[in-house]
Amino acid sequence: MNRLIRIVFVLMASIATASGAALAQEPAKPWTDSADFGLVLTTGNSKNFNVSLTNKFIYTWTQADLTIDAVALRTESTTRTLVNDTAANTVTATETDTVTSEMYALGGKYTHKIREAFYWYVNAGWASNKPAGIDSRYGAGGGLGYHIFKTEVQTLAVEFGVDYTDETQTSGFSDSYAGARGFLGYLYNISKTSSFTEDLTLLENLSDTSDLRVRSVSALTAGLSQKLALKVSLTMLYDNQPVVIDVQPVLPATQVAQFEYDSLTRF
C-alpha cells in the first residue's frame, strides 16, 4: 500500500489506591499503593514502542514507614533499510529493531521518627541502565532527616547520609566505593485532588569527589476519580563522570578510540 499509514496511541494514567481516596465508610488502611503506566505506539513508515511503569508502595506505622519503589522503562525503534536491486528490478526492505532506552530499578527505604521533625532512615536498591553503560548498580546506606516544615499544604524535608555502591558496567569493568548522600523532598498540595512533588538526590563518590551523580524527579498529579489520576512527570539523571568505553577501529589499525556516554538522561 503506497499511502502513508501512521497510528499513534498514547496512554498515560496513574492508578492510586490510598487511604485518603478510600470511601468514607471504609476504615483507614496502614498502606497505600500507586502505579503509573505509560504507553506510546507508532507504526507506519517508522515504528516506535515506548512503555514505562512505576509503582510506589508505602506502609505506615505510628512512628515509622516503609517505602518500596519500582521503575521499568523500555523504548524500541525500528529502522527500515531499502536496497535497490537493479538486476532483479526490485526494492528490498529490511527492518532492524534497536533498543534506544532501557532502565530498571527497585529500591526500598525505611524511616523512623526520633522526635518531632527529626527521623533516621536506611535504604537499599538496585538499578540497571544499559544504554548509559550501567549493567547493574547496587547501593545501600543510611542517615538522618529533618522536616523543615510540614503542613497540610506543603512539606519540605532534607536528608544527609552515607552509602555504599557496587557497580558493574556493560564493558565488564566493576567498581565499589563509599559515598555521601543528600536529599531534598518537596510536596505542594494544589487542591484536594492535585499535587506537585519534587525529589532531588545528590550522590558523591568519596573516593573520587569529581564523580557526582544527581537524580531529579518532578511530577504533577491531578485526580480524575477516587482511584484514577492523570500524572505528568520528568526524571533527569546526571552523571558528572559518565561511562567511557573503548571502540575498536573498523579497519586494521592499532589506535583505539574512546566513546563517552551522555552525562544526562531524561525521561
C-alpha atoms as a PDB file:
ATOM      1  CA  MET A   1       0.000   0.000   0.000  1.00  0.00           C
ATOM      2  CA  ASN A   2       1.517   3.319  -1.139  1.00  0.00           C
ATOM      3  CA  ARG A   3      -0.446   5.587   1.182  1.00  0.00           C
ATOM      4  CA  LEU A   4       1.267   6.566   4.430  1.00  0.00           C
ATOM      5  CA  ILE A   5      -0.339   4.974   7.490  1.00  0.00           C
ATOM      6  CA  ARG A   6       0.563   6.176  10.979  1.00  0.00           C
ATOM      7  CA  ILE A   7      -1.216   5.239  14.119  1.00  0.00           C
ATOM      8  CA  VAL A   8      -0.197   6.908  17.363  1.00  0.00           C
ATOM      9  CA  PHE A   9      -1.667   5.692  20.600  1.00  0.00           C
ATOM     10  CA  VAL A  10      -0.777   7.413  23.857  1.00  0.00           C
ATOM     11  CA  LEU A  11      -1.900   6.160  27.198  1.00  0.00           C
ATOM     12  CA  MET A  12      -0.693   7.643  30.452  1.00  0.00           C
ATOM     13  CA  ALA A  13      -2.562   7.025  33.644  1.00  0.00           C
ATOM     14  CA  SER A  14      -1.844   6.760  37.319  1.00  0.00           C
ATOM     15  CA  ILE A  15      -3.930   4.338  39.349  1.00  0.00           C
ATOM     16  CA  ALA A  16      -3.797   5.209  43.028  1.00  0.00           C
ATOM     17  CA  THR A  17      -5.211   3.195  45.885  1.00  0.00           C
ATOM     18  CA  ALA A  18      -4.732   5.268  49.033  1.00  0.00           C
ATOM     19  CA  SER A  19      -6.450   5.712  52.362  1.00  0.00           C
ATOM     20  CA  GLY A  20      -7.177   9.342  51.540  1.00  0.00           C
ATOM     21  CA  ALA A  21      -9.020   8.248  48.395  1.00  0.00           C
ATOM     22  CA  ALA A  22     -10.947   5.431  50.021  1.00  0.00           C
ATOM     23  CA  LEU A  23     -14.671   5.578  50.575  1.00  0.00           C
ATOM     24  CA  ALA A  24     -15.770   7.435  53.688  1.00  0.00           C
ATOM     25  CA  GLN A  25     -17.328   4.367  55.262  1.00  0.00           C
ATOM     26  CA  GLU A  26     -14.159   2.266  54.812  1.00  0.00           C
ATOM     27  CA  PRO A  27     -11.639   2.182  57.685  1.00  0.00           C
ATOM     28  CA  ALA A  28      -8.258   3.848  57.116  1.00  0.00           C
ATOM     29  CA  LYS A  29      -5.626   1.455  55.820  1.00  0.00           C
ATOM     30  CA  PRO A  30      -1.996   1.468  57.042  1.00  0.00           C
ATOM     31  CA  TRP A  31      -0.734   1.111  53.469  1.00  0.00           C
ATOM     32  CA  THR A  32      -1.063   2.846  50.109  1.00  0.00           C
ATOM     33  CA  ASP A  33      -0.053   1.699  46.640  1.00  0.00           C
ATOM     34  CA  SER A  34       0.058   3.745  43.424  1.00  0.00           C
ATOM     35  CA  ALA A  35       1.025   2.659  39.916  1.00  0.00           C
ATOM     36  CA  ASP A  36       1.847   4.792  36.854  1.00  0.00           C
ATOM     37  CA  PHE A  37       1.647   3.347  33.356  1.00  0.00           C
ATOM     38  CA  GLY A  38       2.627   4.985  30.070  1.00  0.00           C
ATOM     39  CA  LEU A  39       2.491   3.559  26.540  1.00  0.00           C
ATOM     40  CA  VAL A  40       3.284   5.067  23.127  1.00  0.00           C
ATOM     41  CA  LEU A  41       2.947   3.091  19.864  1.00  0.00           C
ATOM     42  CA  THR A  42       3.808   4.470  16.424  1.00  0.00           C
ATOM     43  CA  THR A  43       3.502   2.427  13.214  1.00  0.00           C
ATOM     44  CA  GLY A  44       3.742   3.193   9.519  1.00  0.00           C
ATOM     45  CA  ASN A  45       6.913   4.222   7.692  1.00  0.00           C
ATOM     46  CA  SER A  46       8.556   4.285  11.136  1.00  0.00           C
ATOM     47  CA  LYS A  47       7.872   2.135  14.175  1.00  0.00           C
ATOM     48  CA  ASN A  48       8.424   3.034  17.814  1.00  0.00           C
ATOM     49  CA  PHE A  49       7.418   1.309  21.020  1.00  0.00           C
ATOM     50  CA  ASN A  50       7.732   3.055  24.386  1.00  0.00           C
ATOM     51  CA  VAL A  51       6.469   1.667  27.677  1.00  0.00           C
ATOM     52  CA  SER A  52       7.035   2.899  31.228  1.00  0.00           C
ATOM     53  CA  LEU A  53       5.810   1.530  34.538  1.00  0.00           C
ATOM     54  CA  THR A  54       6.376   2.764  38.084  1.00  0.00           C
ATOM     55  CA  ASN A  55       4.958   1.556  41.378  1.00  0.00           C
ATOM     56  CA  LYS A  56       5.203   3.028  44.880  1.00  0.00           C
ATOM     57  CA  PHE A  57       4.119   1.060  47.956  1.00  0.00           C
ATOM     58  CA  ILE A  58       4.059   2.710  51.400  1.00  0.00           C
ATOM     59  CA  TYR A  59       3.288   1.028  54.720  1.00  0.00           C
ATOM     60  CA  THR A  60       2.889   3.329  57.708  1.00  0.00           C
ATOM     61  CA  TRP A  61       3.212   2.639  61.436  1.00  0.00           C
ATOM     62  CA  THR A  62       2.788   5.113  64.290  1.00  0.00           C
ATOM     63  CA  GLN A  63       6.445   6.186  64.316  1.00  0.00           C
ATOM     64  CA  ALA A  64       7.793   4.708  61.075  1.00  0.00           C
ATOM     65  CA  ASP A  65       7.063   3.922  57.448  1.00  0.00           C
ATOM     66  CA  LEU A  66       8.391   1.651  54.699  1.00  0.00           C
ATOM     67  CA  THR A  67       8.505   2.691  51.024  1.00  0.00           C
ATOM     68  CA  ILE A  68       9.188   0.361  48.092  1.00  0.00           C
ATOM     69  CA  ASP A  69       9.685   1.833  44.605  1.00  0.00           C
ATOM     70  CA  ALA A  70       9.892   0.012  41.273  1.00  0.00           C
ATOM     71  CA  VAL A  71      10.623   1.529  37.839  1.00  0.00           C
ATOM     72  CA  ALA A  72      10.710  -0.025  34.368  1.00  0.00           C
ATOM     73  CA  LEU A  73      11.325   1.867  31.124  1.00  0.00           C
ATOM     74  CA  ARG A  74      11.935   0.460  27.640  1.00  0.00           C
ATOM     75  CA  THR A  75      11.974   2.095  24.204  1.00  0.00           C
ATOM     76  CA  GLU A  76      12.398   0.229  20.910  1.00  0.00           C
ATOM     77  CA  SER A  77      12.808   1.812  17.480  1.00  0.00           C
ATOM     78  CA  THR A  78      12.554   0.053  14.123  1.00  0.00           C
ATOM     79  CA  THR A  79      14.655   1.394  11.253  1.00  0.00           C
ATOM     80  CA  ARG A  80      13.991   0.448   7.630  1.00  0.00           C
ATOM     81  CA  THR A  81      16.824  -0.042   5.121  1.00  0.00           C
ATOM     82  CA  LEU A  82      15.992  -0.069   1.384  1.00  0.00           C
ATOM     83  CA  VAL A  83      18.194  -1.864  -1.161  1.00  0.00           C
ATOM     84  CA  ASN A  84      17.647  -1.295  -4.899  1.00  0.00           C
ATOM     85  CA  ASP A  85      18.465  -4.445  -6.885  1.00  0.00           C
ATOM     86  CA  THR A  86      18.650  -3.096 -10.418  1.00  0.00           C
ATOM     87  CA  ALA A  87      19.349  -6.538 -11.898  1.00  0.00           C
ATOM     88  CA  ALA A  88      16.171  -8.005 -10.467  1.00  0.00           C
ATOM     89  CA  ASN A  89      14.330  -4.693 -10.762  1.00  0.00           C
ATOM     90  CA  THR A  90      13.137  -4.959  -7.147  1.00  0.00           C
ATOM     91  CA  VAL A  91      13.482  -2.985  -3.943  1.00  0.00           C
ATOM     92  CA  THR A  92      14.117  -4.969  -0.766  1.00  0.00           C
ATOM     93  CA  ALA A  93      13.201  -3.538   2.642  1.00  0.00           C
ATOM     94  CA  THR A  94      14.998  -4.736   5.777  1.00  0.00           C
ATOM     95  CA  GLU A  95      13.797  -3.744   9.257  1.00  0.00           C
ATOM     96  CA  THR A  96      16.091  -3.666  12.287  1.00  0.00           C
ATOM     97  CA  ASP A  97      14.855  -3.347  15.879  1.00  0.00           C
ATOM     98  CA  THR A  98      17.048  -1.335  18.258  1.00  0.00           C
ATOM     99  CA  VAL A  99      16.599  -0.718  21.980  1.00  0.00           C
ATOM    100  CA  THR A 100      17.268   3.003  22.434  1.00  0.00           C
ATOM    101  CA  SER A 101      16.340   3.261  26.097  1.00  0.00           C
ATOM    102  CA  GLU A 102      16.126   0.633  28.815  1.00  0.00           C
ATOM    103  CA  MET A 103      16.168   1.216  32.553  1.00  0.00           C
ATOM    104  CA  TYR A 104      15.000  -0.852  35.521  1.00  0.00           C
ATOM    105  CA  ALA A 105      15.210  -0.014  39.217  1.00  0.00           C
ATOM    106  CA  LEU A 106      13.993  -1.397  42.534  1.00  0.00           C
ATOM    107  CA  GLY A 107      14.527   0.208  45.908  1.00  0.00           C
ATOM    108  CA  GLY A 108      13.316   0.250  49.487  1.00  0.00           C
ATOM    109  CA  LYS A 109      13.527   2.834  52.283  1.00  0.00           C
ATOM    110  CA  TYR A 110      12.644   2.609  55.987  1.00  0.00           C
ATOM    111  CA  THR A 111      12.295   5.761  58.094  1.00  0.00           C
ATOM    112  CA  HIS A 112      11.758   6.017  61.858  1.00  0.00           C
ATOM    113  CA  LYS A 113      10.814   9.108  63.814  1.00  0.00           C
ATOM    114  CA  ILE A 114      13.287  10.201  66.505  1.00  0.00           C
ATOM    115  CA  ARG A 115      11.288  13.168  67.762  1.00  0.00           C
ATOM    116  CA  GLU A 116       9.222  15.935  66.231  1.00  0.00           C
ATOM    117  CA  ALA A 117      10.583  16.780  62.730  1.00  0.00           C
ATOM    118  CA  PHE A 118      13.681  14.532  63.107  1.00  0.00           C
ATOM    119  CA  TYR A 119      13.998  10.961  61.800  1.00  0.00           C
ATOM    120  CA  TRP A 120      16.572   8.374  60.731  1.00  0.00           C
ATOM    121  CA  TYR A 121      16.466   6.182  57.636  1.00  0.00           C
ATOM    122  CA  VAL A 122      18.068   3.184  55.925  1.00  0.00           C
ATOM    123  CA  ASN A 123      17.717   2.357  52.235  1.00  0.00           C
ATOM    124  CA  ALA A 124      18.850  -0.173  49.641  1.00  0.00           C
ATOM    125  CA  GLY A 125      18.323  -0.533  45.926  1.00  0.00           C
ATOM    126  CA  TRP A 126      19.321  -1.915  42.539  1.00  0.00           C
ATOM    127  CA  ALA A 127      19.333  -0.273  39.104  1.00  0.00           C
ATOM    128  CA  SER A 128      20.248  -1.155  35.514  1.00  0.00           C
ATOM    129  CA  ASN A 129      20.659   1.384  32.693  1.00  0.00           C
ATOM    130  CA  LYS A 130      22.445  -0.378  29.840  1.00  0.00           C
ATOM    131  CA  PRO A 131      22.099   2.431  27.238  1.00  0.00           C
ATOM    132  CA  ALA A 132      24.103   4.535  29.709  1.00  0.00           C
ATOM    133  CA  GLY A 133      26.701   1.769  30.174  1.00  0.00           C
ATOM    134  CA  ILE A 134      25.482   0.506  33.576  1.00  0.00           C
ATOM    135  CA  ASP A 135      24.762  -3.219  33.654  1.00  0.00           C
ATOM    136  CA  SER A 136      23.918  -3.297  37.376  1.00  0.00           C
ATOM    137  CA  ARG A 137      24.338  -0.952  40.321  1.00  0.00           C
ATOM    138  CA  TYR A 138      23.647  -1.969  43.932  1.00  0.00           C
ATOM    139  CA  GLY A 139      23.551   0.526  46.762  1.00  0.00           C
ATOM    140  CA  ALA A 140      22.737   0.684  50.478  1.00  0.00           C
ATOM    141  CA  GLY A 141      23.061   3.342  53.147  1.00  0.00           C
ATOM    142  CA  GLY A 142      21.516   5.327  55.962  1.00  0.00           C
ATOM    143  CA  GLY A 143      21.378   8.741  57.571  1.00  0.00           C
ATOM    144  CA  LEU A 144      19.289  11.428  59.258  1.00  0.00           C
ATOM    145  CA  GLY A 145      16.388  13.513  58.005  1.00  0.00           C
ATOM    146  CA  TYR A 146      14.612  16.690  59.089  1.00  0.00           C
ATOM    147  CA  HIS A 147      11.250  18.192  58.107  1.00  0.00           C
ATOM    148  CA  ILE A 148      11.914  21.915  57.640  1.00  0.00           C
ATOM    149  CA  PHE A 149       8.150  22.390  57.555  1.00  0.00           C
ATOM    150  CA  LYS A 150       5.221  20.020  57.293  1.00  0.00           C
ATOM    151  CA  THR A 151       1.693  21.341  56.862  1.00  0.00           C
ATOM    152  CA  GLU A 152      -1.474  20.193  55.128  1.00  0.00           C
ATOM    153  CA  VAL A 153      -0.475  22.281  52.098  1.00  0.00           C
ATOM    154  CA  GLN A 154       3.318  21.974  51.874  1.00  0.00           C
ATOM    155  CA  THR A 155       6.050  19.660  53.073  1.00  0.00           C
ATOM    156  CA  LEU A 156       9.816  20.134  52.748  1.00  0.00           C
ATOM    157  CA  ALA A 157      12.318  17.555  54.018  1.00  0.00           C
ATOM    158  CA  VAL A 158      16.114  17.275  53.827  1.00  0.00           C
ATOM    159  CA  GLU A 159      18.298  14.223  54.406  1.00  0.00           C
ATOM    160  CA  PHE A 160      22.033  13.633  54.820  1.00  0.00           C
ATOM    161  CA  GLY A 161      23.733  10.281  54.998  1.00  0.00           C
ATOM    162  CA  VAL A 162      26.333   7.847  53.689  1.00  0.00           C
ATOM    163  CA  ASP A 163      26.001   4.926  51.317  1.00  0.00           C
ATOM    164  CA  TYR A 164      27.978   2.173  49.620  1.00  0.00           C
ATOM    165  CA  THR A 165      27.784   1.418  45.881  1.00  0.00           C
ATOM    166  CA  ASP A 166      28.806  -1.673  43.942  1.00  0.00           C
ATOM    167  CA  GLU A 167      28.690  -1.098  40.179  1.00  0.00           C
ATOM    168  CA  THR A 168      29.270  -3.252  37.098  1.00  0.00           C
ATOM    169  CA  GLN A 169      29.428  -1.633  33.674  1.00  0.00           C
ATOM    170  CA  THR A 170      28.395  -3.191  30.365  1.00  0.00           C
ATOM    171  CA  SER A 171      32.087  -3.310  29.381  1.00  0.00           C
ATOM    172  CA  GLY A 172      32.782  -5.658  32.306  1.00  0.00           C
ATOM    173  CA  PHE A 173      34.533  -3.074  34.481  1.00  0.00           C
ATOM    174  CA  SER A 174      33.385  -3.084  38.110  1.00  0.00           C
ATOM    175  CA  ASP A 175      33.930  -0.680  40.990  1.00  0.00           C
ATOM    176  CA  SER A 176      32.870  -0.289  44.619  1.00  0.00           C
ATOM    177  CA  TYR A 177      33.018   2.874  46.703  1.00  0.00           C
ATOM    178  CA  ALA A 178      31.593   4.701  49.705  1.00  0.00           C
ATOM    179  CA  GLY A 179      29.647   7.870  49.101  1.00  0.00           C
ATOM    180  CA  ALA A 180      27.804  10.790  50.671  1.00  0.00           C
ATOM    181  CA  ARG A 181      24.082  11.337  50.043  1.00  0.00           C
ATOM    182  CA  GLY A 182      21.964  14.473  50.143  1.00  0.00           C
ATOM    183  CA  PHE A 183      18.231  14.599  49.523  1.00  0.00           C
ATOM    184  CA  LEU A 184      15.588  17.306  49.196  1.00  0.00           C
ATOM    185  CA  GLY A 185      11.914  16.358  49.027  1.00  0.00           C
ATOM    186  CA  TYR A 186       9.109  18.863  48.398  1.00  0.00           C
ATOM    187  CA  LEU A 187       5.320  18.359  48.256  1.00  0.00           C
ATOM    188  CA  TYR A 188       2.729  21.016  47.426  1.00  0.00           C
ATOM    189  CA  ASN A 189      -0.952  20.136  47.580  1.00  0.00           C
ATOM    190  CA  ILE A 190      -2.539  22.355  44.934  1.00  0.00           C
ATOM    191  CA  SER A 191      -6.005  21.106  45.838  1.00  0.00           C
ATOM    192  CA  LYS A 192      -7.622  18.076  47.445  1.00  0.00           C
ATOM    193  CA  THR A 193      -7.134  16.082  44.239  1.00  0.00           C
ATOM    194  CA  SER A 194      -3.955  17.541  42.709  1.00  0.00           C
ATOM    195  CA  SER A 195      -0.362  17.978  43.870  1.00  0.00           C
ATOM    196  CA  PHE A 196       3.190  18.794  42.769  1.00  0.00           C
ATOM    197  CA  THR A 197       6.253  16.909  44.008  1.00  0.00           C
ATOM    198  CA  GLU A 198       9.989  17.321  43.534  1.00  0.00           C
ATOM    199  CA  ASP A 199      12.579  14.800  44.738  1.00  0.00           C
ATOM    200  CA  LEU A 200      16.235  15.796  44.338  1.00  0.00           C
ATOM    201  CA  THR A 201      19.029  13.358  45.258  1.00  0.00           C
ATOM    202  CA  LEU A 202      22.780  14.038  45.176  1.00  0.00           C
ATOM    203  CA  LEU A 203      25.321  11.201  45.448  1.00  0.00           C
ATOM    204  CA  GLU A 204      29.027  11.958  45.868  1.00  0.00           C
ATOM    205  CA  ASN A 205      31.767   9.359  45.394  1.00  0.00           C
ATOM    206  CA  LEU A 206      34.091   9.829  48.379  1.00  0.00           C
ATOM    207  CA  SER A 207      36.912   8.013  46.557  1.00  0.00           C
ATOM    208  CA  ASP A 208      36.672  10.433  43.620  1.00  0.00           C
ATOM    209  CA  THR A 209      34.867  13.676  44.509  1.00  0.00           C
ATOM    210  CA  SER A 210      34.501  14.662  40.835  1.00  0.00           C
ATOM    211  CA  ASP A 211      32.215  11.643  40.378  1.00  0.00           C
ATOM    212  CA  LEU A 212      28.919  13.337  41.254  1.00  0.00           C
ATOM    213  CA  ARG A 213      25.504  11.877  40.399  1.00  0.00           C
ATOM    214  CA  VAL A 214      22.204  13.775  40.557  1.00  0.00           C
ATOM    215  CA  ARG A 215      18.646  12.448  40.264  1.00  0.00           C
ATOM    216  CA  SER A 216      15.677  14.782  39.902  1.00  0.00           C
ATOM    217  CA  VAL A 217      12.031  13.653  39.702  1.00  0.00           C
ATOM    218  CA  SER A 218       9.339  16.307  39.147  1.00  0.00           C
ATOM    219  CA  ALA A 219       5.681  15.293  38.954  1.00  0.00           C
ATOM    220  CA  LEU A 220       2.289  16.959  38.643  1.00  0.00           C
ATOM    221  CA  THR A 221      -0.727  14.816  39.535  1.00  0.00           C
ATOM    222  CA  ALA A 222      -4.402  15.637  39.025  1.00  0.00           C
ATOM    223  CA  GLY A 223      -7.096  13.333  40.342  1.00  0.00           C
ATOM    224  CA  LEU A 224      -9.814  12.226  37.929  1.00  0.00           C
ATOM    225  CA  SER A 225     -11.717   9.977  40.340  1.00  0.00           C
ATOM    226  CA  GLN A 226     -11.198   8.237  43.659  1.00  0.00           C
ATOM    227  CA  LYS A 227      -8.802   5.699  42.140  1.00  0.00           C
ATOM    228  CA  LEU A 228      -7.706   7.273  38.864  1.00  0.00           C
ATOM    229  CA  ALA A 229      -5.418  10.245  38.263  1.00  0.00           C
ATOM    230  CA  LEU A 230      -3.543  11.889  35.407  1.00  0.00           C
ATOM    231  CA  LYS A 231       0.169  12.334  36.031  1.00  0.00           C
ATOM    232  CA  VAL A 232       2.882  14.189  34.103  1.00  0.00           C
ATOM    233  CA  SER A 233       6.455  13.677  35.286  1.00  0.00           C
ATOM    234  CA  LEU A 234      10.035  14.437  34.280  1.00  0.00           C
ATOM    235  CA  THR A 235      13.011  12.411  35.513  1.00  0.00           C
ATOM    236  CA  MET A 236      16.583  13.590  34.942  1.00  0.00           C
ATOM    237  CA  LEU A 237      19.662  11.500  35.723  1.00  0.00           C
ATOM    238  CA  TYR A 238      23.010  13.332  35.657  1.00  0.00           C
ATOM    239  CA  ASP A 239      26.439  11.715  35.957  1.00  0.00           C
ATOM    240  CA  ASN A 240      29.443  14.044  36.024  1.00  0.00           C
ATOM    241  CA  GLN A 241      31.666  11.123  35.024  1.00  0.00           C
ATOM    242  CA  PRO A 242      29.666   9.009  32.561  1.00  0.00           C
ATOM    243  CA  VAL A 243      30.859   5.582  31.465  1.00  0.00           C
ATOM    244  CA  VAL A 244      33.711   5.572  28.912  1.00  0.00           C
ATOM    245  CA  ILE A 245      34.293   2.539  26.667  1.00  0.00           C
ATOM    246  CA  ASP A 246      36.962   1.597  24.110  1.00  0.00           C
ATOM    247  CA  VAL A 247      35.855   1.455  20.483  1.00  0.00           C
ATOM    248  CA  GLN A 248      37.821  -0.790  18.149  1.00  0.00           C
ATOM    249  CA  PRO A 249      38.589   0.583  14.661  1.00  0.00           C
ATOM    250  CA  VAL A 250      36.739  -0.810  11.673  1.00  0.00           C
ATOM    251  CA  LEU A 251      39.885  -1.181   9.570  1.00  0.00           C
ATOM    252  CA  PRO A 252      43.022  -2.940  10.825  1.00  0.00           C
ATOM    253  CA  ALA A 253      44.823  -0.419  12.980  1.00  0.00           C
ATOM    254  CA  THR A 254      46.474  -0.113  16.359  1.00  0.00           C
ATOM    255  CA  GLN A 255      44.696   3.027  17.528  1.00  0.00           C
ATOM    256  CA  VAL A 256      41.677   2.504  19.785  1.00  0.00           C
ATOM    257  CA  ALA A 257      39.226   5.352  20.205  1.00  0.00           C
ATOM    258  CA  GLN A 258      37.160   6.046  23.310  1.00  0.00           C
ATOM    259  CA  PHE A 259      33.447   6.784  23.483  1.00  0.00           C
ATOM    260  CA  GLU A 260      31.839   8.637  26.398  1.00  0.00           C
ATOM    261  CA  TYR A 261      28.160   8.107  27.174  1.00  0.00           C
ATOM    262  CA  ASP A 262      25.933  11.145  27.635  1.00  0.00           C
ATOM    263  CA  SER A 263      26.040  12.576  31.153  1.00  0.00           C
ATOM    264  CA  LEU A 264      22.315  13.474  31.221  1.00  0.00           C
ATOM    265  CA  THR A 265      19.338  11.156  30.732  1.00  0.00           C
ATOM    266  CA  ARG A 266      15.772  12.493  30.603  1.00  0.00           C
ATOM    267  CA  PHE A 267      12.505  10.570  30.519  1.00  0.00           C
END
